[in-house]
Amino acid sequence: MKDVVIYTVDYCGYCKKAELLLNEKGIPYKKIDITKNENEFREKLAQYYDIEGKVTVPQIIIGGKRIGGYDVLEKLNNSGNLDELLEN
């Protein structure tokens, strides 16, 4: 299974929903809470993953590739493609 990393802030409802989805599916992940250095981390994420515009949270990384936020994670799960993405 590919590594999953999720960048979150402690006041974000979508971050909590993403964590809940991953937990319910039994998908292990590394959580990186950027709340204390939010602006700095958002800038670093924008540079590292070549994100244009505002960097939102959660940012979900699967196998080193940024997939986006909760909406994308939910769509992948509902379509059955999340399990495939984690394995391939």
PDB file of N, CA and C in Angstrom:
ATOM      1  N   MET A   1       0.841  -1.180   0.000  1.00  0.00           N
ATOM      2  CA  MET A   1       0.000   0.000   0.000  1.00  0.00           C
ATOM      3  C   MET A   1       0.891   1.249   0.000  1.00  0.00           C
ATOM      4  N   LYS A   2       0.505   2.214  -0.805  1.00  0.00           N
ATOM      5  CA  LYS A   2       1.254   3.458  -0.885  1.00  0.00           C
ATOM      6  C   LYS A   2       1.092   4.265   0.399  1.00  0.00           C
ATOM      7  N   ASP A   3       2.113   5.058   0.703  1.00  0.00           N
ATOM      8  CA  ASP A   3       2.057   5.938   1.861  1.00  0.00           C
ATOM      9  C   ASP A   3       1.044   7.047   1.625  1.00  0.00           C
ATOM     10  N   VAL A   4       0.324   7.401   2.679  1.00  0.00           N
ATOM     11  CA  VAL A   4      -0.644   8.488   2.623  1.00  0.00           C
ATOM     12  C   VAL A   4      -0.237   9.530   3.663  1.00  0.00           C
ATOM     13  N   VAL A   5      -0.182  10.780   3.233  1.00  0.00           N
ATOM     14  CA  VAL A   5       0.125  11.899   4.114  1.00  0.00           C
ATOM     15  C   VAL A   5      -1.008  12.901   3.975  1.00  0.00           C
ATOM     16  N   ILE A   6      -1.449  13.449   5.095  1.00  0.00           N
ATOM     17  CA  ILE A   6      -2.500  14.460   5.065  1.00  0.00           C
ATOM     18  C   ILE A   6      -2.050  15.670   5.880  1.00  0.00           C
ATOM     19  N   TYR A   7      -2.050  16.828   5.223  1.00  0.00           N
ATOM     20  CA  TYR A   7      -1.738  18.097   5.877  1.00  0.00           C
ATOM     21  C   TYR A   7      -3.049  18.704   6.345  1.00  0.00           C
ATOM     22  N   THR A   8      -3.108  19.067   7.629  1.00  0.00           N
ATOM     23  CA  THR A   8      -4.350  19.547   8.222  1.00  0.00           C
ATOM     24  C   THR A   8      -4.110  20.784   9.082  1.00  0.00           C
ATOM     25  N   VAL A   9      -5.212  21.442   9.446  1.00  0.00           N
ATOM     26  CA  VAL A   9      -5.217  22.431  10.520  1.00  0.00           C
ATOM     27  C   VAL A   9      -6.310  22.002  11.493  1.00  0.00           C
ATOM     28  N   ASP A  10      -6.162  22.369  12.748  1.00  0.00           N
ATOM     29  CA  ASP A  10      -7.051  21.820  13.771  1.00  0.00           C
ATOM     30  C   ASP A  10      -8.489  22.337  13.727  1.00  0.00           C
ATOM     31  N   TYR A  11      -8.755  23.399  12.986  1.00  0.00           N
ATOM     32  CA  TYR A  11     -10.109  23.970  12.943  1.00  0.00           C
ATOM     33  C   TYR A  11     -10.866  23.637  11.651  1.00  0.00           C
ATOM     34  N   CYS A  12     -10.346  22.719  10.853  1.00  0.00           N
ATOM     35  CA  CYS A  12     -10.888  22.438   9.522  1.00  0.00           C
ATOM     36  C   CYS A  12     -11.822  21.226   9.529  1.00  0.00           C
ATOM     37  N   GLY A  13     -13.089  21.477   9.203  1.00  0.00           N
ATOM     38  CA  GLY A  13     -14.056  20.388   9.139  1.00  0.00           C
ATOM     39  C   GLY A  13     -13.758  19.381   8.035  1.00  0.00           C
ATOM     40  N   TYR A  14     -13.268  19.860   6.893  1.00  0.00           N
ATOM     41  CA  TYR A  14     -12.936  18.953   5.791  1.00  0.00           C
ATOM     42  C   TYR A  14     -11.739  18.074   6.137  1.00  0.00           C
ATOM     43  N   CYS A  15     -10.822  18.603   6.930  1.00  0.00           N
ATOM     44  CA  CYS A  15      -9.683  17.794   7.384  1.00  0.00           C
ATOM     45  C   CYS A  15     -10.189  16.635   8.248  1.00  0.00           C
ATOM     46  N   LYS A  16     -11.103  16.957   9.151  1.00  0.00           N
ATOM     47  CA  LYS A  16     -11.661  15.922  10.033  1.00  0.00           C
ATOM     48  C   LYS A  16     -12.429  14.878   9.221  1.00  0.00           C
ATOM     49  N   LYS A  17     -13.172  15.320   8.199  1.00  0.00           N
ATOM     50  CA  LYS A  17     -13.914  14.384   7.348  1.00  0.00           C
ATOM     51  C   LYS A  17     -12.954  13.473   6.577  1.00  0.00           C
ATOM     52  N   ALA A  18     -11.847  14.026   6.096  1.00  0.00           N
ATOM     53  CA  ALA A  18     -10.859  13.224   5.375  1.00  0.00           C
ATOM     54  C   ALA A  18     -10.242  12.176   6.306  1.00  0.00           C
ATOM     55  N   GLU A  19      -9.898  12.590   7.514  1.00  0.00           N
ATOM     56  CA  GLU A  19      -9.334  11.648   8.480  1.00  0.00           C
ATOM     57  C   GLU A  19     -10.347  10.545   8.813  1.00  0.00           C
ATOM     58  N   LEU A  20     -11.604  10.927   8.984  1.00  0.00           N
ATOM     59  CA  LEU A  20     -12.655   9.957   9.289  1.00  0.00           C
ATOM     60  C   LEU A  20     -12.787   8.930   8.168  1.00  0.00           C
ATOM     61  N   LEU A  21     -12.798   9.391   6.927  1.00  0.00           N
ATOM     62  CA  LEU A  21     -12.902   8.484   5.786  1.00  0.00           C
ATOM     63  C   LEU A  21     -11.726   7.506   5.773  1.00  0.00           C
ATOM     64  N   LEU A  22     -10.517   8.028   5.951  1.00  0.00           N
ATOM     65  CA  LEU A  22      -9.328   7.163   5.962  1.00  0.00           C
ATOM     66  C   LEU A  22      -9.387   6.166   7.121  1.00  0.00           C
ATOM     67  N   ASN A  23      -9.803   6.640   8.287  1.00  0.00           N
ATOM     68  CA  ASN A  23      -9.904   5.758   9.456  1.00  0.00           C
ATOM     69  C   ASN A  23     -10.953   4.667   9.246  1.00  0.00           C
ATOM     70  N   GLU A  24     -12.112   5.050   8.702  1.00  0.00           N
ATOM     71  CA  GLU A  24     -13.172   4.072   8.473  1.00  0.00           C
ATOM     72  C   GLU A  24     -12.751   2.987   7.490  1.00  0.00           C
ATOM     73  N   LYS A  25     -11.919   3.347   6.524  1.00  0.00           N
ATOM     74  CA  LYS A  25     -11.430   2.375   5.543  1.00  0.00           C
ATOM     75  C   LYS A  25     -10.201   1.617   6.042  1.00  0.00           C
ATOM     76  N   GLY A  26      -9.686   1.993   7.210  1.00  0.00           N
ATOM     77  CA  GLY A  26      -8.514   1.321   7.753  1.00  0.00           C
ATOM     78  C   GLY A  26      -7.236   1.654   7.004  1.00  0.00           C
ATOM     79  N   ILE A  27      -7.200   2.831   6.410  1.00  0.00           N
ATOM     80  CA  ILE A  27      -6.021   3.263   5.644  1.00  0.00           C
ATOM     81  C   ILE A  27      -5.074   4.003   6.574  1.00  0.00           C
ATOM     82  N   PRO A  28      -3.880   3.480   6.781  1.00  0.00           N
ATOM     83  CA  PRO A  28      -2.927   4.190   7.635  1.00  0.00           C
ATOM     84  C   PRO A  28      -2.436   5.459   6.937  1.00  0.00           C
ATOM     85  N   TYR A  29      -2.210   6.505   7.714  1.00  0.00           N
ATOM     86  CA  TYR A  29      -1.742   7.757   7.148  1.00  0.00           C
ATOM     87  C   TYR A  29      -0.908   8.516   8.168  1.00  0.00           C
ATOM     88  N   LYS A  30      -0.100   9.408   7.659  1.00  0.00           N
ATOM     89  CA  LYS A  30       0.687  10.301   8.504  1.00  0.00           C
ATOM     90  C   LYS A  30       0.004  11.659   8.465  1.00  0.00           C
ATOM     91  N   LYS A  31      -0.354  12.173   9.617  1.00  0.00           N
ATOM     92  CA  LYS A  31      -1.005  13.473   9.727  1.00  0.00           C
ATOM     93  C   LYS A  31       0.043  14.526  10.074  1.00  0.00           C
ATOM     94  N   ILE A  32       0.045  15.603   9.304  1.00  0.00           N
ATOM     95  CA  ILE A  32       0.933  16.716   9.591  1.00  0.00           C
ATOM     96  C   ILE A  32       0.054  17.935   9.858  1.00  0.00           C
ATOM     97  N   ASP A  33      -0.029  18.309  11.125  1.00  0.00           N
ATOM     98  CA  ASP A  33      -0.848  19.447  11.532  1.00  0.00           C
ATOM     99  C   ASP A  33      -0.016  20.721  11.356  1.00  0.00           C
ATOM    100  N   ILE A  34      -0.471  21.590  10.468  1.00  0.00           N
ATOM    101  CA  ILE A  34       0.292  22.802  10.152  1.00  0.00           C
ATOM    102  C   ILE A  34      -0.261  24.040  10.857  1.00  0.00           C
ATOM    103  N   THR A  35      -1.157  23.850  11.813  1.00  0.00           N
ATOM    104  CA  THR A  35      -1.850  24.959  12.461  1.00  0.00           C
ATOM    105  C   THR A  35      -0.886  26.009  13.009  1.00  0.00           C
ATOM    106  N   LYS A  36       0.163  25.592  13.690  1.00  0.00           N
ATOM    107  CA  LYS A  36       1.061  26.554  14.357  1.00  0.00           C
ATOM    108  C   LYS A  36       1.908  27.357  13.383  1.00  0.00           C
ATOM    109  N   ASN A  37       2.212  26.816  12.218  1.00  0.00           N
ATOM    110  CA  ASN A  37       3.019  27.513  11.206  1.00  0.00           C
ATOM    111  C   ASN A  37       2.294  27.481   9.867  1.00  0.00           C
ATOM    112  N   GLU A  38       1.022  27.802   9.906  1.00  0.00           N
ATOM    113  CA  GLU A  38       0.145  27.617   8.755  1.00  0.00           C
ATOM    114  C   GLU A  38       0.624  28.354   7.499  1.00  0.00           C
ATOM    115  N   ASN A  39       0.917  29.624   7.603  1.00  0.00           N
ATOM    116  CA  ASN A  39       1.327  30.389   6.419  1.00  0.00           C
ATOM    117  C   ASN A  39       2.621  29.856   5.820  1.00  0.00           C
ATOM    118  N   GLU A  40       3.576  29.539   6.677  1.00  0.00           N
ATOM    119  CA  GLU A  40       4.858  28.999   6.219  1.00  0.00           C
ATOM    120  C   GLU A  40       4.651  27.667   5.482  1.00  0.00           C
ATOM    121  N   PHE A  41       3.855  26.775   6.054  1.00  0.00           N
ATOM    122  CA  PHE A  41       3.619  25.474   5.431  1.00  0.00           C
ATOM    123  C   PHE A  41       2.823  25.598   4.139  1.00  0.00           C
ATOM    124  N   ARG A  42       1.870  26.508   4.106  1.00  0.00           N
ATOM    125  CA  ARG A  42       1.103  26.695   2.876  1.00  0.00           C
ATOM    126  C   ARG A  42       2.030  27.144   1.738  1.00  0.00           C
ATOM    127  N   GLU A  43       2.971  28.024   2.054  1.00  0.00           N
ATOM    128  CA  GLU A  43       3.944  28.473   1.045  1.00  0.00           C
ATOM    129  C   GLU A  43       4.829  27.315   0.598  1.00  0.00           C
ATOM    130  N   LYS A  44       5.287  26.511   1.548  1.00  0.00           N
ATOM    131  CA  LYS A  44       6.137  25.365   1.211  1.00  0.00           C
ATOM    132  C   LYS A  44       5.378  24.344   0.355  1.00  0.00           C
ATOM    133  N   LEU A  45       4.126  24.087   0.704  1.00  0.00           N
ATOM    134  CA  LEU A  45       3.313  23.151  -0.074  1.00  0.00           C
ATOM    135  C   LEU A  45       3.109  23.675  -1.493  1.00  0.00           C
ATOM    136  N   ALA A  46       2.850  24.968  -1.618  1.00  0.00           N
ATOM    137  CA  ALA A  46       2.658  25.571  -2.940  1.00  0.00           C
ATOM    138  C   ALA A  46       3.904  25.403  -3.799  1.00  0.00           C
ATOM    139  N   GLN A  47       5.054  25.619  -3.210  1.00  0.00           N
ATOM    140  CA  GLN A  47       6.306  25.490  -3.958  1.00  0.00           C
ATOM    141  C   GLN A  47       6.601  24.031  -4.296  1.00  0.00           C
ATOM    142  N   TYR A  48       6.485  23.158  -3.323  1.00  0.00           N
ATOM    143  CA  TYR A  48       6.869  21.757  -3.511  1.00  0.00           C
ATOM    144  C   TYR A  48       5.957  21.041  -4.500  1.00  0.00           C
ATOM    145  N   TYR A  49       4.650  21.300  -4.406  1.00  0.00           N
ATOM    146  CA  TYR A  49       3.693  20.601  -5.271  1.00  0.00           C
ATOM    147  C   TYR A  49       3.220  21.469  -6.436  1.00  0.00           C
ATOM    148  N   ASP A  50       3.869  22.613  -6.622  1.00  0.00           N
ATOM    149  CA  ASP A  50       3.571  23.508  -7.744  1.00  0.00           C
ATOM    150  C   ASP A  50       2.078  23.856  -7.791  1.00  0.00           C
ATOM    151  N   ILE A  51       1.569  24.318  -6.649  1.00  0.00           N
ATOM    152  CA  ILE A  51       0.158  24.683  -6.532  1.00  0.00           C
ATOM    153  C   ILE A  51       0.030  26.173  -6.818  1.00  0.00           C
ATOM    154  N   GLU A  52      -0.848  26.508  -7.738  1.00  0.00           N
ATOM    155  CA  GLU A  52      -1.099  27.910  -8.037  1.00  0.00           C
ATOM    156  C   GLU A  52      -2.309  28.380  -7.249  1.00  0.00           C
ATOM    157  N   GLY A  53      -2.292  29.623  -6.822  1.00  0.00           N
ATOM    158  CA  GLY A  53      -3.407  30.151  -6.043  1.00  0.00           C
ATOM    159  C   GLY A  53      -3.285  29.755  -4.587  1.00  0.00           C
ATOM    160  N   LYS A  54      -4.390  29.918  -3.883  1.00  0.00           N
ATOM    161  CA  LYS A  54      -4.414  29.629  -2.454  1.00  0.00           C
ATOM    162  C   LYS A  54      -4.320  28.130  -2.188  1.00  0.00           C
ATOM    163  N   VAL A  55      -3.483  27.768  -1.243  1.00  0.00           N
ATOM    164  CA  VAL A  55      -3.333  26.373  -0.833  1.00  0.00           C
ATOM    165  C   VAL A  55      -4.345  26.098   0.273  1.00  0.00           C
ATOM    166  N   THR A  56      -5.277  25.196  -0.008  1.00  0.00           N
ATOM    167  CA  THR A  56      -6.302  24.846   0.963  1.00  0.00           C
ATOM    168  C   THR A  56      -5.896  23.578   1.710  1.00  0.00           C
ATOM    169  N   VAL A  57      -6.615  23.297   2.773  1.00  0.00           N
ATOM    170  CA  VAL A  57      -6.417  22.061   3.524  1.00  0.00           C
ATOM    171  C   VAL A  57      -7.748  21.353   3.608  1.00  0.00           C
ATOM    172  N   PRO A  58      -7.735  20.038   3.696  1.00  0.00           N
ATOM    173  CA  PRO A  58      -6.542  19.207   3.743  1.00  0.00           C
ATOM    174  C   PRO A  58      -5.860  19.118   2.383  1.00  0.00           C
ATOM    175  N   GLN A  59      -4.588  18.850   2.424  1.00  0.00           N
ATOM    176  CA  GLN A  59      -3.846  18.453   1.230  1.00  0.00           C
ATOM    177  C   GLN A  59      -3.491  16.994   1.454  1.00  0.00           C
ATOM    178  N   ILE A  60      -3.904  16.150   0.534  1.00  0.00           N
ATOM    179  CA  ILE A  60      -3.719  14.710   0.685  1.00  0.00           C
ATOM    180  C   ILE A  60      -2.726  14.228  -0.365  1.00  0.00           C
ATOM    181  N   ILE A  61      -1.718  13.520   0.110  1.00  0.00           N
ATOM    182  CA  ILE A  61      -0.641  13.017  -0.729  1.00  0.00           C
ATOM    183  C   ILE A  61      -0.686  11.488  -0.673  1.00  0.00           C
ATOM    184  N   ILE A  62      -0.739  10.860  -1.839  1.00  0.00           N
ATOM    185  CA  ILE A  62      -0.744   9.390  -1.900  1.00  0.00           C
ATOM    186  C   ILE A  62       0.426   8.957  -2.771  1.00  0.00           C
ATOM    187  N   GLY A  63       1.318   8.182  -2.170  1.00  0.00           N
ATOM    188  CA  GLY A  63       2.486   7.711  -2.905  1.00  0.00           C
ATOM    189  C   GLY A  63       3.342   8.847  -3.428  1.00  0.00           C
ATOM    190  N   GLY A  64       3.411   9.941  -2.683  1.00  0.00           N
ATOM    191  CA  GLY A  64       4.226  11.091  -3.081  1.00  0.00           C
ATOM    192  C   GLY A  64       3.567  12.030  -4.071  1.00  0.00           C
ATOM    193  N   LYS A  65       2.345  11.697  -4.493  1.00  0.00           N
ATOM    194  CA  LYS A  65       1.633  12.523  -5.468  1.00  0.00           C
ATOM    195  C   LYS A  65       0.456  13.225  -4.791  1.00  0.00           C
ATOM    196  N   ARG A  66       0.348  14.531  -4.986  1.00  0.00           N
ATOM    197  CA  ARG A  66      -0.752  15.293  -4.407  1.00  0.00           C
ATOM    198  C   ARG A  66      -2.031  14.997  -5.179  1.00  0.00           C
ATOM    199  N   ILE A  67      -3.054  14.531  -4.445  1.00  0.00           N
ATOM    200  CA  ILE A  67      -4.337  14.288  -5.109  1.00  0.00           C
ATOM    201  C   ILE A  67      -5.298  15.453  -4.901  1.00  0.00           C
ATOM    202  N   GLY A  68      -5.061  16.271  -3.884  1.00  0.00           N
ATOM    203  CA  GLY A  68      -5.936  17.406  -3.598  1.00  0.00           C
ATOM    204  C   GLY A  68      -6.526  17.297  -2.216  1.00  0.00           C
ATOM    205  N   GLY A  69      -7.793  17.732  -2.098  1.00  0.00           N
ATOM    206  CA  GLY A  69      -8.438  17.797  -0.800  1.00  0.00           C
ATOM    207  C   GLY A  69      -9.494  16.732  -0.584  1.00  0.00           C
ATOM    208  N   TYR A  70     -10.376  17.031   0.365  1.00  0.00           N
ATOM    209  CA  TYR A  70     -11.394  16.054   0.757  1.00  0.00           C
ATOM    210  C   TYR A  70     -12.332  15.693  -0.391  1.00  0.00           C
ATOM    211  N   ASP A  71     -12.755  16.679  -1.160  1.00  0.00           N
ATOM    212  CA  ASP A  71     -13.696  16.396  -2.251  1.00  0.00           C
ATOM    213  C   ASP A  71     -13.142  15.357  -3.219  1.00  0.00           C
ATOM    214  N   VAL A  72     -11.876  15.485  -3.557  1.00  0.00           N
ATOM    215  CA  VAL A  72     -11.248  14.526  -4.476  1.00  0.00           C
ATOM    216  C   VAL A  72     -11.149  13.155  -3.805  1.00  0.00           C
ATOM    217  N   LEU A  73     -10.762  13.140  -2.540  1.00  0.00           N
ATOM    218  CA  LEU A  73     -10.668  11.881  -1.800  1.00  0.00           C
ATOM    219  C   LEU A  73     -12.023  11.170  -1.768  1.00  0.00           C
ATOM    220  N   GLU A  74     -13.071  11.921  -1.499  1.00  0.00           N
ATOM    221  CA  GLU A  74     -14.416  11.348  -1.441  1.00  0.00           C
ATOM    222  C   GLU A  74     -14.843  10.807  -2.812  1.00  0.00           C
ATOM    223  N   LYS A  75     -14.570  11.547  -3.872  1.00  0.00           N
ATOM    224  CA  LYS A  75     -14.913  11.084  -5.225  1.00  0.00           C
ATOM    225  C   LYS A  75     -14.157   9.809  -5.583  1.00  0.00           C
ATOM    226  N   LEU A  76     -12.867   9.776  -5.236  1.00  0.00           N
ATOM    227  CA  LEU A  76     -12.080   8.574  -5.492  1.00  0.00           C
ATOM    228  C   LEU A  76     -12.661   7.382  -4.739  1.00  0.00           C
ATOM    229  N   ASN A  77     -13.051   7.603  -3.502  1.00  0.00           N
ATOM    230  CA  ASN A  77     -13.611   6.523  -2.701  1.00  0.00           C
ATOM    231  C   ASN A  77     -14.956   6.062  -3.269  1.00  0.00           C
ATOM    232  N   ASN A  78     -15.828   6.999  -3.595  1.00  0.00           N
ATOM    233  CA  ASN A  78     -17.166   6.650  -4.091  1.00  0.00           C
ATOM    234  C   ASN A  78     -17.115   5.932  -5.430  1.00  0.00           C
ATOM    235  N   SER A  79     -16.108   6.234  -6.236  1.00  0.00           N
ATOM    236  CA  SER A  79     -15.982   5.587  -7.547  1.00  0.00           C
ATOM    237  C   SER A  79     -15.252   4.249  -7.476  1.00  0.00           C
ATOM    238  N   GLY A  80     -14.688   3.947  -6.311  1.00  0.00           N
ATOM    239  CA  GLY A  80     -13.924   2.718  -6.159  1.00  0.00           C
ATOM    240  C   GLY A  80     -12.473   2.849  -6.591  1.00  0.00           C
ATOM    241  N   ASN A  81     -12.082   4.042  -6.999  1.00  0.00           N
ATOM    242  CA  ASN A  81     -10.722   4.247  -7.491  1.00  0.00           C
ATOM    243  C   ASN A  81      -9.694   4.490  -6.386  1.00  0.00           C
ATOM    244  N   LEU A  82     -10.148   4.793  -5.183  1.00  0.00           N
ATOM    245  CA  LEU A  82      -9.198   5.034  -4.089  1.00  0.00           C
ATOM    246  C   LEU A  82      -8.397   3.786  -3.770  1.00  0.00           C
ATOM    247  N   ASP A  83      -9.070   2.656  -3.641  1.00  0.00           N
ATOM    248  CA  ASP A  83      -8.358   1.414  -3.337  1.00  0.00           C
ATOM    249  C   ASP A  83      -7.356   1.080  -4.430  1.00  0.00           C
ATOM    250  N   GLU A  84      -7.748   1.275  -5.663  1.00  0.00           N
ATOM    251  CA  GLU A  84      -6.857   1.026  -6.790  1.00  0.00           C
ATOM    252  C   GLU A  84      -5.645   1.956  -6.747  1.00  0.00           C
ATOM    253  N   LEU A  85      -5.886   3.227  -6.464  1.00  0.00           N
ATOM    254  CA  LEU A  85      -4.801   4.202  -6.403  1.00  0.00           C
ATOM    255  C   LEU A  85      -3.805   3.851  -5.295  1.00  0.00           C
ATOM    256  N   LEU A  86      -4.313   3.360  -4.184  1.00  0.00           N
ATOM    257  CA  LEU A  86      -3.447   2.995  -3.066  1.00  0.00           C
ATOM    258  C   LEU A  86      -2.583   1.782  -3.382  1.00  0.00           C
ATOM    259  N   GLU A  87      -3.057   0.905  -4.228  1.00  0.00           N
ATOM    260  CA  GLU A  87      -2.344  -0.323  -4.534  1.00  0.00           C
ATOM    261  C   GLU A  87      -1.394  -0.189  -5.724  1.00  0.00           C
ATOM    262  N   ASN A  88      -1.754   0.604  -6.706  1.00  0.00           N
ATOM    263  CA  ASN A  88      -0.954   0.685  -7.943  1.00  0.00           C
ATOM    264  C   ASN A  88      -0.016   1.859  -7.952  1.00  0.00           C
TER     265      ASN A  88
END
